[in-house]
């Protein structure tokens, strides 16, 4: 099997990134994996314009995982200042979830956040209904901070909620 290459995404990758992210989070295709949000949200997870904005912002990047020209996964990284990094939009092709690529991308995100932005800690935000995902992050060393963030109700760019009790729990991991 050919090795997986992780690199910064480029504008030319946006169509592939958009398809991958949508397939990992929304709709029936997302149900092939274990990280679906299809029971919580309809609509889109992101759009090509949002991805272009991320790639144009020097305080953010999308790391992408490829094998022989085939996009398998990606993760957003961002500088939040004061030694804090953030990652989100971790997306693995649903049929490949559970095979270790997500863990590999999280490791790459940690390294990139430390190297590029001087991050000493990383924060993430997760819907509390996604208990299995929260448990996975806890196994990676993340801890709940006790902080929460509101869900962006009324912003269809992030999705169409199927319930009215959505918000995010904030988790944090100290980098070595």
N, C-alpha and C. Protein backbone atom coordinates (compact mmCIF):
# COMPACT_ATOMS: atom_id res chain seq x y z
N UNK A 1 0.84 -1.17 0.00
CA UNK A 1 0.00 0.00 0.00
C UNK A 1 0.89 1.24 0.00
N UNK A 2 0.52 2.21 -0.79
CA UNK A 2 1.26 3.45 -0.90
C UNK A 2 1.08 4.28 0.37
N UNK A 3 2.15 4.95 0.76
CA UNK A 3 2.12 5.76 1.97
C UNK A 3 1.22 6.99 1.82
N UNK A 4 0.69 7.43 2.94
CA UNK A 4 -0.15 8.62 2.98
C UNK A 4 0.74 9.84 3.15
N UNK A 5 0.47 10.87 2.38
CA UNK A 5 1.19 12.14 2.45
C UNK A 5 0.26 13.18 3.05
N UNK A 6 0.75 13.91 4.04
CA UNK A 6 -0.01 15.01 4.63
C UNK A 6 0.66 16.31 4.20
N UNK A 7 -0.14 17.20 3.63
CA UNK A 7 0.38 18.48 3.15
C UNK A 7 -0.68 19.56 3.33
N UNK A 8 -0.24 20.82 3.23
CA UNK A 8 -1.20 21.92 3.25
C UNK A 8 -2.08 21.83 2.01
N UNK A 9 -3.35 22.04 2.19
CA UNK A 9 -4.26 22.10 1.06
C UNK A 9 -4.03 23.40 0.31
N UNK A 10 -4.40 23.39 -0.95
CA UNK A 10 -4.30 24.57 -1.80
C UNK A 10 -5.68 24.88 -2.38
N UNK A 11 -5.77 26.03 -3.02
CA UNK A 11 -7.04 26.41 -3.64
C UNK A 11 -7.50 25.38 -4.65
N UNK A 12 -6.57 24.74 -5.34
CA UNK A 12 -6.93 23.72 -6.32
C UNK A 12 -7.60 22.51 -5.68
N UNK A 13 -7.40 22.33 -4.39
CA UNK A 13 -7.97 21.18 -3.67
C UNK A 13 -9.40 21.42 -3.18
N UNK A 14 -9.89 22.66 -3.29
CA UNK A 14 -11.19 23.00 -2.70
C UNK A 14 -12.32 22.07 -3.14
N UNK A 15 -12.49 21.75 -4.42
CA UNK A 15 -13.60 20.84 -4.77
C UNK A 15 -13.50 19.48 -4.06
N UNK A 16 -12.31 18.91 -3.99
CA UNK A 16 -12.13 17.63 -3.29
C UNK A 16 -12.37 17.78 -1.80
N UNK A 17 -11.86 18.86 -1.21
CA UNK A 17 -12.06 19.10 0.22
C UNK A 17 -13.54 19.23 0.55
N UNK A 18 -14.25 20.00 -0.26
CA UNK A 18 -15.68 20.20 -0.02
C UNK A 18 -16.44 18.88 -0.07
N UNK A 19 -16.19 18.07 -1.08
CA UNK A 19 -16.86 16.76 -1.18
C UNK A 19 -16.55 15.89 0.03
N UNK A 20 -15.28 15.85 0.42
CA UNK A 20 -14.87 15.02 1.55
C UNK A 20 -15.55 15.47 2.84
N UNK A 21 -15.50 16.75 3.14
CA UNK A 21 -16.05 17.27 4.39
C UNK A 21 -17.56 17.01 4.46
N UNK A 22 -18.25 17.29 3.38
CA UNK A 22 -19.70 17.04 3.37
C UNK A 22 -20.00 15.55 3.56
N UNK A 23 -19.22 14.69 2.93
CA UNK A 23 -19.48 13.24 3.04
C UNK A 23 -19.19 12.72 4.44
N UNK A 24 -18.29 13.37 5.16
CA UNK A 24 -17.93 12.92 6.50
C UNK A 24 -18.93 13.38 7.57
N UNK A 25 -19.64 14.48 7.30
CA UNK A 25 -20.51 15.06 8.33
C UNK A 25 -22.00 14.96 8.03
N UNK A 26 -22.38 15.04 6.79
CA UNK A 26 -23.80 15.19 6.46
C UNK A 26 -24.29 14.10 5.51
N UNK A 27 -25.58 13.86 5.57
CA UNK A 27 -26.24 12.98 4.62
C UNK A 27 -25.98 11.50 4.87
N UNK A 28 -26.56 10.71 4.01
CA UNK A 28 -26.47 9.25 4.15
C UNK A 28 -25.04 8.73 4.01
N UNK A 29 -24.23 9.35 3.17
CA UNK A 29 -22.85 8.86 3.00
C UNK A 29 -22.08 8.93 4.32
N UNK A 30 -22.40 9.91 5.17
CA UNK A 30 -21.69 10.05 6.44
C UNK A 30 -21.98 8.90 7.39
N UNK A 31 -23.08 8.21 7.19
CA UNK A 31 -23.45 7.11 8.08
C UNK A 31 -22.56 5.88 7.91
N UNK A 32 -21.73 5.86 6.86
CA UNK A 32 -20.78 4.77 6.68
C UNK A 32 -19.65 4.85 7.70
N UNK A 33 -19.48 6.00 8.33
CA UNK A 33 -18.46 6.19 9.36
C UNK A 33 -19.09 6.34 10.73
N UNK A 34 -18.27 6.61 11.72
CA UNK A 34 -18.78 6.72 13.08
C UNK A 34 -18.85 8.16 13.59
N UNK A 35 -18.48 9.13 12.75
CA UNK A 35 -18.46 10.53 13.20
C UNK A 35 -19.55 11.38 12.58
N UNK A 36 -20.55 10.78 12.03
CA UNK A 36 -21.64 11.50 11.37
C UNK A 36 -22.36 12.47 12.30
N UNK A 37 -22.82 13.56 11.72
CA UNK A 37 -23.72 14.49 12.42
C UNK A 37 -25.11 14.45 11.79
N UNK A 38 -25.37 13.47 10.96
CA UNK A 38 -26.61 13.41 10.18
C UNK A 38 -27.87 13.36 11.05
N UNK A 39 -27.77 12.84 12.26
CA UNK A 39 -28.93 12.81 13.14
C UNK A 39 -29.17 14.15 13.84
N UNK A 40 -28.17 15.02 13.80
CA UNK A 40 -28.25 16.30 14.50
C UNK A 40 -28.48 17.48 13.56
N UNK A 41 -27.93 17.38 12.35
CA UNK A 41 -27.94 18.51 11.42
C UNK A 41 -28.19 18.06 9.99
N UNK A 42 -28.93 18.87 9.26
CA UNK A 42 -29.07 18.73 7.81
C UNK A 42 -28.28 19.88 7.18
N UNK A 43 -28.43 20.00 5.88
CA UNK A 43 -27.77 21.11 5.19
C UNK A 43 -26.29 20.87 5.05
N UNK A 44 -25.56 21.92 4.84
CA UNK A 44 -24.13 21.81 4.58
C UNK A 44 -23.31 21.89 5.85
N UNK A 45 -22.08 21.39 5.78
CA UNK A 45 -21.11 21.57 6.87
C UNK A 45 -20.22 22.77 6.59
N UNK A 46 -19.94 23.00 5.32
CA UNK A 46 -19.14 24.13 4.87
C UNK A 46 -19.47 24.39 3.42
N UNK A 47 -18.82 25.36 2.82
CA UNK A 47 -19.02 25.61 1.40
C UNK A 47 -17.68 26.02 0.79
N UNK A 48 -17.56 25.99 -0.52
CA UNK A 48 -16.28 26.32 -1.16
C UNK A 48 -15.77 27.72 -0.80
N UNK A 49 -16.67 28.68 -0.62
CA UNK A 49 -16.25 30.03 -0.25
C UNK A 49 -15.60 30.05 1.13
N UNK A 50 -16.18 29.32 2.08
CA UNK A 50 -15.61 29.24 3.42
C UNK A 50 -14.22 28.60 3.35
N UNK A 51 -14.09 27.54 2.58
CA UNK A 51 -12.79 26.88 2.45
C UNK A 51 -11.76 27.82 1.83
N UNK A 52 -12.17 28.59 0.82
CA UNK A 52 -11.26 29.57 0.20
C UNK A 52 -10.84 30.63 1.21
N UNK A 53 -11.78 31.08 2.05
CA UNK A 53 -11.45 32.06 3.09
C UNK A 53 -10.42 31.50 4.06
N UNK A 54 -10.59 30.25 4.46
CA UNK A 54 -9.64 29.61 5.37
C UNK A 54 -8.25 29.58 4.74
N UNK A 55 -8.17 29.15 3.48
CA UNK A 55 -6.87 29.03 2.82
C UNK A 55 -6.20 30.38 2.59
N UNK A 56 -6.97 31.44 2.50
CA UNK A 56 -6.42 32.77 2.29
C UNK A 56 -5.98 33.45 3.59
N UNK A 57 -6.34 32.89 4.72
CA UNK A 57 -6.08 33.49 6.02
C UNK A 57 -4.74 32.97 6.58
N UNK A 58 -3.75 33.83 6.82
CA UNK A 58 -2.46 33.36 7.32
C UNK A 58 -2.50 32.77 8.73
N UNK A 59 -3.61 32.96 9.45
CA UNK A 59 -3.72 32.38 10.79
C UNK A 59 -4.44 31.03 10.77
N UNK A 60 -4.70 30.50 9.57
CA UNK A 60 -5.38 29.22 9.44
C UNK A 60 -4.76 28.42 8.31
N UNK A 61 -5.06 27.13 8.30
CA UNK A 61 -4.67 26.26 7.20
C UNK A 61 -5.54 25.01 7.25
N UNK A 62 -5.57 24.32 6.14
CA UNK A 62 -6.20 22.99 6.09
C UNK A 62 -5.10 22.00 5.73
N UNK A 63 -4.85 21.06 6.64
CA UNK A 63 -3.92 19.97 6.35
C UNK A 63 -4.73 18.89 5.64
N UNK A 64 -4.14 18.31 4.62
CA UNK A 64 -4.86 17.30 3.85
C UNK A 64 -4.02 16.03 3.72
N UNK A 65 -4.70 14.89 3.76
CA UNK A 65 -4.04 13.58 3.69
C UNK A 65 -4.38 12.93 2.36
N UNK A 66 -3.35 12.53 1.63
CA UNK A 66 -3.50 12.01 0.27
C UNK A 66 -2.80 10.67 0.11
N UNK A 67 -3.36 9.85 -0.74
CA UNK A 67 -2.70 8.62 -1.18
C UNK A 67 -2.90 8.52 -2.68
N UNK A 68 -1.81 8.56 -3.41
CA UNK A 68 -1.84 8.44 -4.88
C UNK A 68 -2.86 9.40 -5.50
N UNK A 69 -2.84 10.66 -5.09
CA UNK A 69 -3.73 11.66 -5.67
C UNK A 69 -5.16 11.60 -5.18
N UNK A 70 -5.43 10.77 -4.20
CA UNK A 70 -6.78 10.58 -3.67
C UNK A 70 -6.86 11.20 -2.28
N UNK A 71 -7.77 12.17 -2.07
CA UNK A 71 -7.93 12.82 -0.77
C UNK A 71 -8.65 11.88 0.19
N UNK A 72 -8.02 11.62 1.33
CA UNK A 72 -8.57 10.70 2.32
C UNK A 72 -9.05 11.41 3.59
N UNK A 73 -8.46 12.57 3.88
CA UNK A 73 -8.82 13.26 5.11
C UNK A 73 -8.28 14.67 5.13
N UNK A 74 -8.80 15.47 6.08
CA UNK A 74 -8.30 16.83 6.25
C UNK A 74 -8.63 17.31 7.66
N UNK A 75 -7.97 18.40 8.06
CA UNK A 75 -8.23 19.03 9.34
C UNK A 75 -7.87 20.51 9.24
N UNK A 76 -8.71 21.35 9.82
CA UNK A 76 -8.48 22.78 9.91
C UNK A 76 -7.61 23.06 11.13
N UNK A 77 -6.59 23.91 10.97
CA UNK A 77 -5.82 24.39 12.12
C UNK A 77 -5.90 25.91 12.12
N UNK A 78 -5.86 26.49 13.33
CA UNK A 78 -5.95 27.95 13.44
C UNK A 78 -5.22 28.43 14.68
N UNK A 79 -4.64 29.61 14.57
CA UNK A 79 -3.98 30.28 15.68
C UNK A 79 -5.02 31.12 16.41
N UNK A 80 -5.17 30.89 17.71
CA UNK A 80 -6.11 31.67 18.52
C UNK A 80 -5.38 32.67 19.42
N UNK A 81 -4.05 32.76 19.26
CA UNK A 81 -3.27 33.72 20.03
C UNK A 81 -2.94 33.23 21.42
N UNK A 82 -1.98 33.91 22.05
CA UNK A 82 -1.58 33.62 23.43
C UNK A 82 -1.23 32.15 23.65
N UNK A 83 -0.57 31.53 22.66
CA UNK A 83 -0.12 30.16 22.80
C UNK A 83 -1.20 29.12 22.62
N UNK A 84 -2.36 29.52 22.12
CA UNK A 84 -3.48 28.60 21.95
C UNK A 84 -3.74 28.36 20.47
N UNK A 85 -3.80 27.10 20.10
CA UNK A 85 -4.20 26.71 18.75
C UNK A 85 -5.57 26.07 18.80
N UNK A 86 -6.14 25.90 17.64
CA UNK A 86 -7.46 25.28 17.52
C UNK A 86 -7.43 24.36 16.32
N UNK A 87 -8.10 23.24 16.42
CA UNK A 87 -8.36 22.47 15.21
C UNK A 87 -9.81 22.08 15.16
N UNK A 88 -10.30 21.91 13.94
CA UNK A 88 -11.69 21.53 13.73
C UNK A 88 -11.86 20.95 12.35
N UNK A 89 -13.09 20.63 12.03
CA UNK A 89 -13.44 20.10 10.72
C UNK A 89 -12.60 18.86 10.37
N UNK A 90 -12.21 18.09 11.40
CA UNK A 90 -11.48 16.85 11.15
C UNK A 90 -12.39 15.93 10.34
N UNK A 91 -11.95 15.61 9.15
CA UNK A 91 -12.78 14.84 8.21
C UNK A 91 -11.98 13.68 7.64
N UNK A 92 -12.52 12.49 7.79
CA UNK A 92 -11.93 11.29 7.22
C UNK A 92 -12.99 10.65 6.34
N UNK A 93 -12.60 10.18 5.18
CA UNK A 93 -13.56 9.49 4.32
C UNK A 93 -14.30 8.45 5.17
N UNK A 94 -15.63 8.46 5.18
CA UNK A 94 -16.38 7.59 6.08
C UNK A 94 -15.99 6.11 6.03
N UNK A 95 -15.72 5.58 4.87
CA UNK A 95 -15.38 4.16 4.77
C UNK A 95 -13.98 3.85 5.30
N UNK A 96 -13.19 4.89 5.61
CA UNK A 96 -11.84 4.69 6.15
C UNK A 96 -11.75 5.03 7.64
N UNK A 97 -12.84 5.51 8.22
CA UNK A 97 -12.82 5.88 9.63
C UNK A 97 -12.57 4.64 10.49
N UNK A 98 -11.83 4.86 11.56
CA UNK A 98 -11.49 3.77 12.47
C UNK A 98 -10.18 3.08 12.11
N UNK A 99 -9.49 3.57 11.09
CA UNK A 99 -8.25 2.96 10.65
C UNK A 99 -6.98 3.67 11.08
N UNK A 100 -7.09 4.74 11.88
CA UNK A 100 -5.92 5.43 12.40
C UNK A 100 -5.56 6.73 11.70
N UNK A 101 -6.21 7.03 10.58
CA UNK A 101 -5.88 8.27 9.87
C UNK A 101 -6.28 9.50 10.68
N UNK A 102 -7.40 9.46 11.37
CA UNK A 102 -7.81 10.59 12.20
C UNK A 102 -6.76 10.90 13.26
N UNK A 103 -6.27 9.87 13.92
CA UNK A 103 -5.24 10.03 14.94
C UNK A 103 -3.97 10.63 14.31
N UNK A 104 -3.64 10.18 13.12
CA UNK A 104 -2.46 10.69 12.42
C UNK A 104 -2.64 12.17 12.07
N UNK A 105 -3.82 12.56 11.61
CA UNK A 105 -4.08 13.96 11.29
C UNK A 105 -4.09 14.83 12.55
N UNK A 106 -4.61 14.34 13.65
CA UNK A 106 -4.56 15.10 14.90
C UNK A 106 -3.11 15.33 15.30
N UNK A 107 -2.27 14.32 15.18
CA UNK A 107 -0.84 14.48 15.48
C UNK A 107 -0.19 15.52 14.58
N UNK A 108 -0.53 15.48 13.29
CA UNK A 108 0.00 16.48 12.35
C UNK A 108 -0.50 17.87 12.70
N UNK A 109 -1.76 17.97 13.13
CA UNK A 109 -2.33 19.27 13.53
C UNK A 109 -1.59 19.81 14.75
N UNK A 110 -1.35 18.95 15.74
CA UNK A 110 -0.61 19.39 16.93
C UNK A 110 0.77 19.91 16.55
N UNK A 111 1.48 19.17 15.72
CA UNK A 111 2.83 19.58 15.32
C UNK A 111 2.79 20.89 14.55
N UNK A 112 1.86 21.04 13.63
CA UNK A 112 1.77 22.26 12.83
C UNK A 112 1.38 23.45 13.69
N UNK A 113 0.47 23.27 14.63
CA UNK A 113 0.07 24.36 15.51
C UNK A 113 1.25 24.84 16.36
N UNK A 114 2.04 23.90 16.86
CA UNK A 114 3.22 24.27 17.66
C UNK A 114 4.27 24.96 16.78
N UNK A 115 4.56 24.37 15.63
CA UNK A 115 5.62 24.90 14.75
C UNK A 115 5.26 26.25 14.14
N UNK A 116 4.06 26.38 13.61
CA UNK A 116 3.67 27.60 12.89
C UNK A 116 3.23 28.73 13.79
N UNK A 117 2.52 28.38 14.85
CA UNK A 117 1.87 29.41 15.66
C UNK A 117 2.37 29.46 17.10
N UNK A 118 3.31 28.60 17.44
CA UNK A 118 3.83 28.60 18.80
C UNK A 118 2.82 28.13 19.83
N UNK A 119 1.86 27.33 19.41
CA UNK A 119 0.83 26.85 20.33
C UNK A 119 1.43 25.95 21.40
N UNK A 120 1.00 26.17 22.62
CA UNK A 120 1.37 25.31 23.74
C UNK A 120 0.18 24.47 24.20
N UNK A 121 -1.00 24.86 23.74
CA UNK A 121 -2.21 24.10 24.04
C UNK A 121 -3.13 24.17 22.82
N UNK A 122 -3.99 23.19 22.72
CA UNK A 122 -4.93 23.12 21.59
C UNK A 122 -6.34 22.99 22.16
N UNK A 123 -7.23 23.76 21.60
CA UNK A 123 -8.64 23.70 21.98
C UNK A 123 -9.45 23.17 20.81
N UNK A 124 -10.49 22.45 21.13
CA UNK A 124 -11.45 21.96 20.15
C UNK A 124 -12.85 22.18 20.73
N UNK A 125 -13.84 22.13 19.88
CA UNK A 125 -15.23 22.23 20.34
C UNK A 125 -16.03 21.12 19.69
N UNK A 126 -16.84 20.45 20.51
CA UNK A 126 -17.57 19.26 20.08
C UNK A 126 -19.00 19.33 20.59
N UNK A 127 -19.93 18.92 19.75
CA UNK A 127 -21.32 18.82 20.19
C UNK A 127 -21.41 17.75 21.29
N UNK A 128 -22.03 18.04 22.43
CA UNK A 128 -22.06 17.08 23.53
C UNK A 128 -22.82 15.80 23.20
N UNK A 129 -23.71 15.84 22.22
CA UNK A 129 -24.44 14.66 21.82
C UNK A 129 -23.52 13.62 21.16
N UNK A 130 -22.33 14.03 20.77
CA UNK A 130 -21.38 13.13 20.11
C UNK A 130 -20.47 12.50 21.15
N UNK A 131 -21.06 11.72 22.03
CA UNK A 131 -20.35 11.13 23.17
C UNK A 131 -19.20 10.22 22.75
N UNK A 132 -19.38 9.45 21.69
CA UNK A 132 -18.32 8.55 21.24
C UNK A 132 -17.11 9.36 20.76
N UNK A 133 -17.37 10.46 20.07
CA UNK A 133 -16.28 11.32 19.60
C UNK A 133 -15.57 11.99 20.77
N UNK A 134 -16.32 12.47 21.75
CA UNK A 134 -15.72 13.07 22.94
C UNK A 134 -14.83 12.05 23.65
N UNK A 135 -15.30 10.82 23.77
CA UNK A 135 -14.50 9.77 24.41
C UNK A 135 -13.22 9.52 23.62
N UNK A 136 -13.29 9.57 22.29
CA UNK A 136 -12.09 9.39 21.45
C UNK A 136 -11.08 10.50 21.73
N UNK A 137 -11.57 11.75 21.79
CA UNK A 137 -10.67 12.86 22.10
C UNK A 137 -10.08 12.73 23.49
N UNK A 138 -10.86 12.24 24.44
CA UNK A 138 -10.33 12.03 25.79
C UNK A 138 -9.22 10.99 25.78
N UNK A 139 -9.35 9.96 24.96
CA UNK A 139 -8.29 8.96 24.84
C UNK A 139 -7.02 9.56 24.22
N UNK A 140 -7.18 10.64 23.45
CA UNK A 140 -6.03 11.33 22.87
C UNK A 140 -5.43 12.35 23.84
N UNK A 141 -5.99 12.48 25.03
CA UNK A 141 -5.45 13.39 26.03
C UNK A 141 -6.21 14.70 26.19
N UNK A 142 -7.32 14.86 25.50
CA UNK A 142 -8.13 16.07 25.65
C UNK A 142 -8.97 15.98 26.91
N UNK A 143 -9.18 17.13 27.54
CA UNK A 143 -10.02 17.21 28.73
C UNK A 143 -11.05 18.30 28.54
N UNK A 144 -12.22 18.08 29.08
CA UNK A 144 -13.27 19.11 29.04
C UNK A 144 -12.83 20.27 29.95
N UNK A 145 -13.01 21.47 29.44
CA UNK A 145 -12.62 22.66 30.21
C UNK A 145 -13.75 23.16 31.11
N UNK A 146 -14.97 22.74 30.85
CA UNK A 146 -16.14 23.28 31.55
C UNK A 146 -16.76 24.44 30.79
N UNK A 147 -16.04 24.95 29.78
CA UNK A 147 -16.58 26.02 28.95
C UNK A 147 -17.48 25.45 27.86
N UNK A 148 -18.43 26.26 27.44
CA UNK A 148 -19.30 25.90 26.32
C UNK A 148 -19.36 27.08 25.36
N UNK A 149 -19.74 26.78 24.14
CA UNK A 149 -19.95 27.79 23.10
C UNK A 149 -21.32 27.59 22.50
N UNK A 150 -21.98 28.67 22.13
CA UNK A 150 -23.32 28.52 21.54
C UNK A 150 -23.24 27.94 20.13
N UNK A 151 -24.27 27.21 19.75
CA UNK A 151 -24.38 26.74 18.37
C UNK A 151 -24.86 27.92 17.52
N UNK A 152 -24.32 28.08 16.30
CA UNK A 152 -24.72 29.22 15.47
C UNK A 152 -26.08 29.02 14.79
N UNK A 153 -27.14 28.94 15.61
CA UNK A 153 -28.48 28.84 15.05
C UNK A 153 -28.71 30.03 14.12
N UNK A 154 -29.42 29.79 13.04
CA UNK A 154 -29.72 30.86 12.10
C UNK A 154 -28.64 31.09 11.07
N UNK A 155 -27.55 30.32 11.13
CA UNK A 155 -26.47 30.44 10.15
C UNK A 155 -26.46 29.17 9.29
N UNK A 156 -27.17 29.17 8.17
CA UNK A 156 -27.25 27.95 7.35
C UNK A 156 -25.92 27.52 6.75
N UNK A 157 -24.90 28.40 6.81
CA UNK A 157 -23.57 28.00 6.33
C UNK A 157 -23.02 26.86 7.17
N UNK A 158 -23.45 26.76 8.42
CA UNK A 158 -22.95 25.71 9.30
C UNK A 158 -23.87 24.51 9.36
N UNK A 159 -25.08 24.62 8.87
CA UNK A 159 -26.00 23.50 8.89
C UNK A 159 -27.37 23.90 9.37
N UNK A 160 -28.30 22.98 9.19
CA UNK A 160 -29.69 23.19 9.59
C UNK A 160 -30.00 22.24 10.75
N UNK A 161 -30.08 22.79 11.97
CA UNK A 161 -30.28 21.95 13.14
C UNK A 161 -31.59 21.16 13.09
N UNK A 162 -31.53 19.93 13.57
CA UNK A 162 -32.72 19.08 13.69
C UNK A 162 -33.27 19.11 15.12
N UNK A 163 -32.60 19.85 16.00
CA UNK A 163 -33.03 19.95 17.39
C UNK A 163 -32.62 21.31 17.95
N UNK A 164 -33.21 21.67 19.07
CA UNK A 164 -32.99 23.02 19.60
C UNK A 164 -32.08 23.05 20.83
N UNK A 165 -31.36 21.96 21.10
CA UNK A 165 -30.50 21.91 22.29
C UNK A 165 -29.01 21.78 21.94
N UNK A 166 -28.62 22.26 20.77
CA UNK A 166 -27.23 22.13 20.35
C UNK A 166 -26.36 23.26 20.92
N UNK A 167 -25.18 22.91 21.30
CA UNK A 167 -24.12 23.83 21.72
C UNK A 167 -22.82 23.04 21.64
N UNK A 168 -21.72 23.65 22.00
CA UNK A 168 -20.43 22.96 21.94
C UNK A 168 -19.80 22.91 23.32
N UNK A 169 -19.19 21.77 23.64
CA UNK A 169 -18.33 21.69 24.81
C UNK A 169 -16.91 21.96 24.32
N UNK A 170 -16.15 22.67 25.14
CA UNK A 170 -14.78 23.01 24.78
C UNK A 170 -13.86 22.02 25.50
N UNK A 171 -12.91 21.47 24.71
CA UNK A 171 -11.93 20.54 25.24
C UNK A 171 -10.55 21.11 24.95
N UNK A 172 -9.57 20.74 25.78
CA UNK A 172 -8.23 21.29 25.62
C UNK A 172 -7.19 20.21 25.87
N UNK A 173 -6.07 20.36 25.17
CA UNK A 173 -4.94 19.43 25.30
C UNK A 173 -3.66 20.25 25.36
N UNK A 174 -2.85 20.01 26.37
CA UNK A 174 -1.55 20.68 26.48
C UNK A 174 -0.55 19.98 25.54
N UNK A 175 0.22 20.77 24.81
CA UNK A 175 1.24 20.22 23.94
C UNK A 175 2.56 20.11 24.70
N UNK A 176 3.32 19.09 24.39
CA UNK A 176 4.62 18.87 25.08
C UNK A 176 5.62 19.93 24.69
